[in-house]
Amino acid sequence: MGMPGGMEWILIAFVVLLLFGGKKIPELAKGLGSGIKNFKKAIKDDEEVTEVKKTDSSEKIVDNKTEAKAEDVNDTTKNV
């Protein structure tokens, strides 16, 4: 069973038109479009937050290593 052909699409469109009516279809399409837009925006915002968190984490790791090296140097000089 494959994709519907031309006649099947016409039949589907006719059934949708009968079910929802001519006035309701544009409202449904508008709602669907705004839903997709909000979904894409949420994904984009989530990716930006994830990138910021990764950057912050990598900076903390570098800072911790620098602090650890500084402590080692201080311990070495105290022992001498």
PDB file of N, CA and C in Angstrom:
ATOM      1  N   MET A   1       0.861  -1.172   0.000  1.00  0.00           N
ATOM      2  CA  MET A   1       0.000   0.000   0.000  1.00  0.00           C
ATOM      3  C   MET A   1       0.903   1.228   0.000  1.00  0.00           C
ATOM      4  N   GLY A   2       0.749   2.067  -1.004  1.00  0.00           N
ATOM      5  CA  GLY A   2       1.613   3.229  -1.156  1.00  0.00           C
ATOM      6  C   GLY A   2       0.896   4.521  -0.836  1.00  0.00           C
ATOM      7  N   MET A   3       1.478   5.575  -1.303  1.00  0.00           N
ATOM      8  CA  MET A   3       0.909   6.908  -1.106  1.00  0.00           C
ATOM      9  C   MET A   3      -0.389   7.044  -1.917  1.00  0.00           C
ATOM     10  N   PRO A   4      -1.338   7.833  -1.404  1.00  0.00           N
ATOM     11  CA  PRO A   4      -2.583   8.035  -2.155  1.00  0.00           C
ATOM     12  C   PRO A   4      -2.315   8.755  -3.473  1.00  0.00           C
ATOM     13  N   GLY A   5      -3.067   8.371  -4.482  1.00  0.00           N
ATOM     14  CA  GLY A   5      -2.947   8.998  -5.795  1.00  0.00           C
ATOM     15  C   GLY A   5      -3.799  10.257  -5.869  1.00  0.00           C
ATOM     16  N   GLY A   6      -3.935  10.808  -7.057  1.00  0.00           N
ATOM     17  CA  GLY A   6      -4.675  12.053  -7.263  1.00  0.00           C
ATOM     18  C   GLY A   6      -6.139  11.963  -6.867  1.00  0.00           C
ATOM     19  N   MET A   7      -6.795  10.879  -7.255  1.00  0.00           N
ATOM     20  CA  MET A   7      -8.223  10.722  -6.953  1.00  0.00           C
ATOM     21  C   MET A   7      -8.456  10.560  -5.453  1.00  0.00           C
ATOM     22  N   GLU A   8      -7.547   9.850  -4.778  1.00  0.00           N
ATOM     23  CA  GLU A   8      -7.685   9.660  -3.339  1.00  0.00           C
ATOM     24  C   GLU A   8      -7.536  10.996  -2.594  1.00  0.00           C
ATOM     25  N   TRP A   9      -6.585  11.846  -3.034  1.00  0.00           N
ATOM     26  CA  TRP A   9      -6.404  13.162  -2.402  1.00  0.00           C
ATOM     27  C   TRP A   9      -7.652  14.028  -2.565  1.00  0.00           C
ATOM     28  N   ILE A  10      -8.275  13.961  -3.719  1.00  0.00           N
ATOM     29  CA  ILE A  10      -9.503  14.737  -3.954  1.00  0.00           C
ATOM     30  C   ILE A  10     -10.606  14.245  -3.018  1.00  0.00           C
ATOM     31  N   LEU A  11     -10.724  12.936  -2.865  1.00  0.00           N
ATOM     32  CA  LEU A  11     -11.730  12.365  -1.978  1.00  0.00           C
ATOM     33  C   LEU A  11     -11.459  12.769  -0.520  1.00  0.00           C
ATOM     34  N   ILE A  12     -10.208  12.728  -0.109  1.00  0.00           N
ATOM     35  CA  ILE A  12      -9.850  13.130   1.260  1.00  0.00           C
ATOM     36  C   ILE A  12     -10.191  14.599   1.491  1.00  0.00           C
ATOM     37  N   ALA A  13      -9.841  15.464   0.525  1.00  0.00           N
ATOM     38  CA  ALA A  13     -10.148  16.891   0.647  1.00  0.00           C
ATOM     39  C   ALA A  13     -11.656  17.121   0.732  1.00  0.00           C
ATOM     40  N   PHE A  14     -12.431  16.389  -0.044  1.00  0.00           N
ATOM     41  CA  PHE A  14     -13.885  16.530  -0.030  1.00  0.00           C
ATOM     42  C   PHE A  14     -14.462  16.112   1.329  1.00  0.00           C
ATOM     43  N   VAL A  15     -13.965  15.031   1.900  1.00  0.00           N
ATOM     44  CA  VAL A  15     -14.449  14.564   3.204  1.00  0.00           C
ATOM     45  C   VAL A  15     -14.097  15.586   4.286  1.00  0.00           C
ATOM     46  N   VAL A  16     -12.879  16.135   4.243  1.00  0.00           N
ATOM     47  CA  VAL A  16     -12.475  17.146   5.225  1.00  0.00           C
ATOM     48  C   VAL A  16     -13.361  18.372   5.096  1.00  0.00           C
ATOM     49  N   LEU A  17     -13.651  18.788   3.873  1.00  0.00           N
ATOM     50  CA  LEU A  17     -14.519  19.945   3.637  1.00  0.00           C
ATOM     51  C   LEU A  17     -15.922  19.694   4.182  1.00  0.00           C
ATOM     52  N   LEU A  18     -16.428  18.496   4.010  1.00  0.00           N
ATOM     53  CA  LEU A  18     -17.747  18.162   4.543  1.00  0.00           C
ATOM     54  C   LEU A  18     -17.751  18.149   6.075  1.00  0.00           C
ATOM     55  N   LEU A  19     -16.708  17.616   6.671  1.00  0.00           N
ATOM     56  CA  LEU A  19     -16.645  17.504   8.124  1.00  0.00           C
ATOM     57  C   LEU A  19     -16.508  18.854   8.809  1.00  0.00           C
ATOM     58  N   PHE A  20     -15.613  19.697   8.307  1.00  0.00           N
ATOM     59  CA  PHE A  20     -15.289  20.941   8.997  1.00  0.00           C
ATOM     60  C   PHE A  20     -15.954  22.180   8.414  1.00  0.00           C
ATOM     61  N   GLY A  21     -16.306  22.145   7.163  1.00  0.00           N
ATOM     62  CA  GLY A  21     -16.916  23.307   6.529  1.00  0.00           C
ATOM     63  C   GLY A  21     -15.857  24.282   6.021  1.00  0.00           C
ATOM     64  N   GLY A  22     -16.255  25.147   5.111  1.00  0.00           N
ATOM     65  CA  GLY A  22     -15.329  26.078   4.474  1.00  0.00           C
ATOM     66  C   GLY A  22     -14.768  27.134   5.410  1.00  0.00           C
ATOM     67  N   LYS A  23     -15.538  27.545   6.401  1.00  0.00           N
ATOM     68  CA  LYS A  23     -15.080  28.609   7.307  1.00  0.00           C
ATOM     69  C   LYS A  23     -14.102  28.082   8.369  1.00  0.00           C
ATOM     70  N   LYS A  24     -14.246  26.846   8.743  1.00  0.00           N
ATOM     71  CA  LYS A  24     -13.446  26.291   9.831  1.00  0.00           C
ATOM     72  C   LYS A  24     -12.040  25.879   9.373  1.00  0.00           C
ATOM     73  N   ILE A  25     -11.864  25.513   8.117  1.00  0.00           N
ATOM     74  CA  ILE A  25     -10.575  25.026   7.620  1.00  0.00           C
ATOM     75  C   ILE A  25      -9.470  26.079   7.737  1.00  0.00           C
ATOM     76  N   PRO A  26      -9.693  27.348   7.339  1.00  0.00           N
ATOM     77  CA  PRO A  26      -8.618  28.338   7.513  1.00  0.00           C
ATOM     78  C   PRO A  26      -8.224  28.548   8.976  1.00  0.00           C
ATOM     79  N   GLU A  27      -9.194  28.480   9.880  1.00  0.00           N
ATOM     80  CA  GLU A  27      -8.889  28.605  11.304  1.00  0.00           C
ATOM     81  C   GLU A  27      -8.026  27.440  11.782  1.00  0.00           C
ATOM     82  N   LEU A  28      -8.333  26.231  11.323  1.00  0.00           N
ATOM     83  CA  LEU A  28      -7.536  25.060  11.684  1.00  0.00           C
ATOM     84  C   LEU A  28      -6.115  25.176  11.130  1.00  0.00           C
ATOM     85  N   ALA A  29      -5.988  25.634   9.891  1.00  0.00           N
ATOM     86  CA  ALA A  29      -4.668  25.794   9.277  1.00  0.00           C
ATOM     87  C   ALA A  29      -3.849  26.857  10.012  1.00  0.00           C
ATOM     88  N   LYS A  30      -4.504  27.941  10.420  1.00  0.00           N
ATOM     89  CA  LYS A  30      -3.813  29.001  11.163  1.00  0.00           C
ATOM     90  C   LYS A  30      -3.323  28.474  12.506  1.00  0.00           C
ATOM     91  N   GLY A  31      -4.155  27.736  13.207  1.00  0.00           N
ATOM     92  CA  GLY A  31      -3.762  27.147  14.485  1.00  0.00           C
ATOM     93  C   GLY A  31      -2.621  26.158  14.331  1.00  0.00           C
ATOM     94  N   LEU A  32      -2.661  25.357  13.291  1.00  0.00           N
ATOM     95  CA  LEU A  32      -1.591  24.400  13.030  1.00  0.00           C
ATOM     96  C   LEU A  32      -0.283  25.126  12.724  1.00  0.00           C
ATOM     97  N   GLY A  33      -0.357  26.180  11.923  1.00  0.00           N
ATOM     98  CA  GLY A  33       0.835  26.954  11.585  1.00  0.00           C
ATOM     99  C   GLY A  33       1.458  27.624  12.796  1.00  0.00           C
ATOM    100  N   SER A  34       0.641  28.213  13.655  1.00  0.00           N
ATOM    101  CA  SER A  34       1.190  28.866  14.854  1.00  0.00           C
ATOM    102  C   SER A  34       1.756  27.826  15.823  1.00  0.00           C
ATOM    103  N   GLY A  35       1.159  26.656  15.874  1.00  0.00           N
ATOM    104  CA  GLY A  35       1.692  25.582  16.721  1.00  0.00           C
ATOM    105  C   GLY A  35       3.061  25.124  16.253  1.00  0.00           C
ATOM    106  N   ILE A  36       3.228  24.970  14.957  1.00  0.00           N
ATOM    107  CA  ILE A  36       4.522  24.583  14.399  1.00  0.00           C
ATOM    108  C   ILE A  36       5.556  25.665  14.657  1.00  0.00           C
ATOM    109  N   LYS A  37       5.160  26.932  14.500  1.00  0.00           N
ATOM    110  CA  LYS A  37       6.069  28.060  14.738  1.00  0.00           C
ATOM    111  C   LYS A  37       6.536  28.072  16.193  1.00  0.00           C
ATOM    112  N   ASN A  38       5.620  27.898  17.137  1.00  0.00           N
ATOM    113  CA  ASN A  38       5.979  27.872  18.559  1.00  0.00           C
ATOM    114  C   ASN A  38       6.884  26.692  18.882  1.00  0.00           C
ATOM    115  N   PHE A  39       6.639  25.560  18.256  1.00  0.00           N
ATOM    116  CA  PHE A  39       7.458  24.371  18.479  1.00  0.00           C
ATOM    117  C   PHE A  39       8.891  24.608  18.015  1.00  0.00           C
ATOM    118  N   LYS A  40       9.052  25.182  16.821  1.00  0.00           N
ATOM    119  CA  LYS A  40      10.387  25.474  16.306  1.00  0.00           C
ATOM    120  C   LYS A  40      11.105  26.491  17.180  1.00  0.00           C
ATOM    121  N   LYS A  41      10.377  27.494  17.673  1.00  0.00           N
ATOM    122  CA  LYS A  41      10.973  28.500  18.547  1.00  0.00           C
ATOM    123  C   LYS A  41      11.444  27.864  19.850  1.00  0.00           C
ATOM    124  N   ALA A  42      10.649  26.957  20.405  1.00  0.00           N
ATOM    125  CA  ALA A  42      11.025  26.289  21.648  1.00  0.00           C
ATOM    126  C   ALA A  42      12.267  25.432  21.458  1.00  0.00           C
ATOM    127  N   ILE A  43      12.371  24.757  20.331  1.00  0.00           N
ATOM    128  CA  ILE A  43      13.554  23.945  20.044  1.00  0.00           C
ATOM    129  C   ILE A  43      14.780  24.834  19.934  1.00  0.00           C
ATOM    130  N   LYS A  44      14.649  25.956  19.239  1.00  0.00           N
ATOM    131  CA  LYS A  44      15.770  26.884  19.072  1.00  0.00           C
ATOM    132  C   LYS A  44      16.217  27.443  20.424  1.00  0.00           C
ATOM    133  N   ASP A  45      15.275  27.828  21.266  1.00  0.00           N
ATOM    134  CA  ASP A  45      15.602  28.359  22.591  1.00  0.00           C
ATOM    135  C   ASP A  45      16.281  27.292  23.449  1.00  0.00           C
ATOM    136  N   ASP A  46      15.810  26.059  23.360  1.00  0.00           N
ATOM    137  CA  ASP A  46      16.397  24.966  24.140  1.00  0.00           C
ATOM    138  C   ASP A  46      17.833  24.702  23.695  1.00  0.00           C
ATOM    139  N   GLU A  47      18.108  24.766  22.390  1.00  0.00           N
ATOM    140  CA  GLU A  47      19.465  24.558  21.892  1.00  0.00           C
ATOM    141  C   GLU A  47      20.392  25.664  22.388  1.00  0.00           C
ATOM    142  N   GLU A  48      19.911  26.913  22.426  1.00  0.00           N
ATOM    143  CA  GLU A  48      20.730  28.016  22.905  1.00  0.00           C
ATOM    144  C   GLU A  48      21.054  27.851  24.390  1.00  0.00           C
ATOM    145  N   VAL A  49      20.090  27.419  25.190  1.00  0.00           N
ATOM    146  CA  VAL A  49      20.309  27.211  26.619  1.00  0.00           C
ATOM    147  C   VAL A  49      21.318  26.081  26.825  1.00  0.00           C
ATOM    148  N   THR A  50      21.210  25.028  26.055  1.00  0.00           N
ATOM    149  CA  THR A  50      22.131  23.901  26.159  1.00  0.00           C
ATOM    150  C   THR A  50      23.550  24.343  25.827  1.00  0.00           C
ATOM    151  N   GLU A  51      23.723  25.169  24.775  1.00  0.00           N
ATOM    152  CA  GLU A  51      25.048  25.649  24.402  1.00  0.00           C
ATOM    153  C   GLU A  51      25.644  26.509  25.509  1.00  0.00           C
ATOM    154  N   VAL A  52      24.831  27.347  26.129  1.00  0.00           N
ATOM    155  CA  VAL A  52      25.313  28.203  27.214  1.00  0.00           C
ATOM    156  C   VAL A  52      25.747  27.341  28.393  1.00  0.00           C
ATOM    157  N   LYS A  53      24.969  26.332  28.742  1.00  0.00           N
ATOM    158  CA  LYS A  53      25.317  25.455  29.857  1.00  0.00           C
ATOM    159  C   LYS A  53      26.619  24.715  29.569  1.00  0.00           C
ATOM    160  N   LYS A  54      26.813  24.247  28.319  1.00  0.00           N
ATOM    161  CA  LYS A  54      28.046  23.554  27.968  1.00  0.00           C
ATOM    162  C   LYS A  54      29.231  24.497  28.092  1.00  0.00           C
ATOM    163  N   THR A  55      29.086  25.730  27.641  1.00  0.00           N
ATOM    164  CA  THR A  55      30.158  26.714  27.728  1.00  0.00           C
ATOM    165  C   THR A  55      30.485  27.008  29.180  1.00  0.00           C
ATOM    166  N   ASP A  56      29.482  27.201  30.005  1.00  0.00           N
ATOM    167  CA  ASP A  56      29.703  27.466  31.429  1.00  0.00           C
ATOM    168  C   ASP A  56      30.419  26.294  32.094  1.00  0.00           C
ATOM    169  N   SER A  57      30.023  25.082  31.779  1.00  0.00           N
ATOM    170  CA  SER A  57      30.636  23.901  32.377  1.00  0.00           C
ATOM    171  C   SER A  57      32.105  23.796  31.981  1.00  0.00           C
ATOM    172  N   SER A  58      32.428  24.053  30.721  1.00  0.00           N
ATOM    173  CA  SER A  58      33.810  23.937  30.284  1.00  0.00           C
ATOM    174  C   SER A  58      34.673  25.017  30.931  1.00  0.00           C
ATOM    175  N   GLU A  59      34.121  26.206  31.158  1.00  0.00           N
ATOM    176  CA  GLU A  59      34.880  27.256  31.831  1.00  0.00           C
ATOM    177  C   GLU A  59      35.151  26.872  33.280  1.00  0.00           C
ATOM    178  N   LYS A  60      34.192  26.225  33.951  1.00  0.00           N
ATOM    179  CA  LYS A  60      34.389  25.799  35.327  1.00  0.00           C
ATOM    180  C   LYS A  60      35.478  24.741  35.411  1.00  0.00           C
ATOM    181  N   ILE A  61      35.507  23.843  34.455  1.00  0.00           N
ATOM    182  CA  ILE A  61      36.534  22.800  34.444  1.00  0.00           C
ATOM    183  C   ILE A  61      37.911  23.434  34.307  1.00  0.00           C
ATOM    184  N   VAL A  62      38.046  24.382  33.389  1.00  0.00           N
ATOM    185  CA  VAL A  62      39.325  25.063  33.207  1.00  0.00           C
ATOM    186  C   VAL A  62      39.697  25.803  34.482  1.00  0.00           C
ATOM    187  N   ASP A  63      38.761  26.499  35.106  1.00  0.00           N
ATOM    188  CA  ASP A  63      39.032  27.224  36.345  1.00  0.00           C
ATOM    189  C   ASP A  63      39.472  26.273  37.451  1.00  0.00           C
ATOM    190  N   ASN A  64      38.825  25.124  37.569  1.00  0.00           N
ATOM    191  CA  ASN A  64      39.186  24.159  38.607  1.00  0.00           C
ATOM    192  C   ASN A  64      40.600  23.636  38.397  1.00  0.00           C
ATOM    193  N   LYS A  65      40.982  23.385  37.153  1.00  0.00           N
ATOM    194  CA  LYS A  65      42.327  22.904  36.868  1.00  0.00           C
ATOM    195  C   LYS A  65      43.353  23.976  37.207  1.00  0.00           C
ATOM    196  N   THR A  66      43.060  25.222  36.887  1.00  0.00           N
ATOM    197  CA  THR A  66      43.968  26.317  37.193  1.00  0.00           C
ATOM    198  C   THR A  66      44.134  26.456  38.698  1.00  0.00           C
ATOM    199  N   GLU A  67      43.041  26.363  39.440  1.00  0.00           N
ATOM    200  CA  GLU A  67      43.102  26.457  40.893  1.00  0.00           C
ATOM    201  C   GLU A  67      43.889  25.291  41.478  1.00  0.00           C
ATOM    202  N   ALA A  68      43.720  24.107  40.933  1.00  0.00           N
ATOM    203  CA  ALA A  68      44.433  22.932  41.422  1.00  0.00           C
ATOM    204  C   ALA A  68      45.932  23.099  41.193  1.00  0.00           C
ATOM    205  N   LYS A  69      46.331  23.615  40.051  1.00  0.00           N
ATOM    206  CA  LYS A  69      47.745  23.840  39.767  1.00  0.00           C
ATOM    207  C   LYS A  69      48.311  24.884  40.717  1.00  0.00           C
ATOM    208  N   ALA A  70      47.574  25.927  40.991  1.00  0.00           N
ATOM    209  CA  ALA A  70      48.028  26.972  41.901  1.00  0.00           C
ATOM    210  C   ALA A  70      48.204  26.404  43.314  1.00  0.00           C
ATOM    211  N   GLU A  71      47.323  25.527  43.735  1.00  0.00           N
ATOM    212  CA  GLU A  71      47.435  24.907  45.057  1.00  0.00           C
ATOM    213  C   GLU A  71      48.663  24.006  45.115  1.00  0.00           C
ATOM    214  N   ASP A  72      48.945  23.264  44.038  1.00  0.00           N
ATOM    215  CA  ASP A  72      50.119  22.404  43.993  1.00  0.00           C
ATOM    216  C   ASP A  72      51.396  23.230  44.114  1.00  0.00           C
ATOM    217  N   VAL A  73      51.445  24.364  43.434  1.00  0.00           N
ATOM    218  CA  VAL A  73      52.610  25.225  43.485  1.00  0.00           C
ATOM    219  C   VAL A  73      52.781  25.758  44.907  1.00  0.00           C
ATOM    220  N   ASN A  74      51.716  26.179  45.541  1.00  0.00           N
ATOM    221  CA  ASN A  74      51.775  26.677  46.916  1.00  0.00           C
ATOM    222  C   ASN A  74      52.245  25.590  47.875  1.00  0.00           C
ATOM    223  N   ASP A  75      51.762  24.366  47.704  1.00  0.00           N
ATOM    224  CA  ASP A  75      52.172  23.257  48.575  1.00  0.00           C
ATOM    225  C   ASP A  75      53.652  22.948  48.378  1.00  0.00           C
ATOM    226  N   THR A  76      54.127  23.022  47.174  1.00  0.00           N
ATOM    227  CA  THR A  76      55.529  22.737  46.874  1.00  0.00           C
ATOM    228  C   THR A  76      56.433  23.771  47.507  1.00  0.00           C
ATOM    229  N   THR A  77      56.056  25.043  47.421  1.00  0.00           N
ATOM    230  CA  THR A  77      56.887  26.106  47.983  1.00  0.00           C
ATOM    231  C   THR A  77      56.887  26.063  49.500  1.00  0.00           C
ATOM    232  N   LYS A  78      55.820  25.595  50.121  1.00  0.00           N
ATOM    233  CA  LYS A  78      55.760  25.505  51.579  1.00  0.00           C
ATOM    234  C   LYS A  78      56.681  24.400  52.088  1.00  0.00           C
ATOM    235  N   ASN A  79      56.755  23.311  51.308  1.00  0.00           N
ATOM    236  CA  ASN A  79      57.574  22.176  51.717  1.00  0.00           C
ATOM    237  C   ASN A  79      59.061  22.466  51.578  1.00  0.00           C
ATOM    238  N   VAL A  80      59.434  23.416  50.775  1.00  0.00           N
ATOM    239  CA  VAL A  80      60.860  23.689  50.526  1.00  0.00           C
ATOM    240  C   VAL A  80      61.451  24.519  51.567  1.00  0.00           C
TER     241      VAL A  80
END
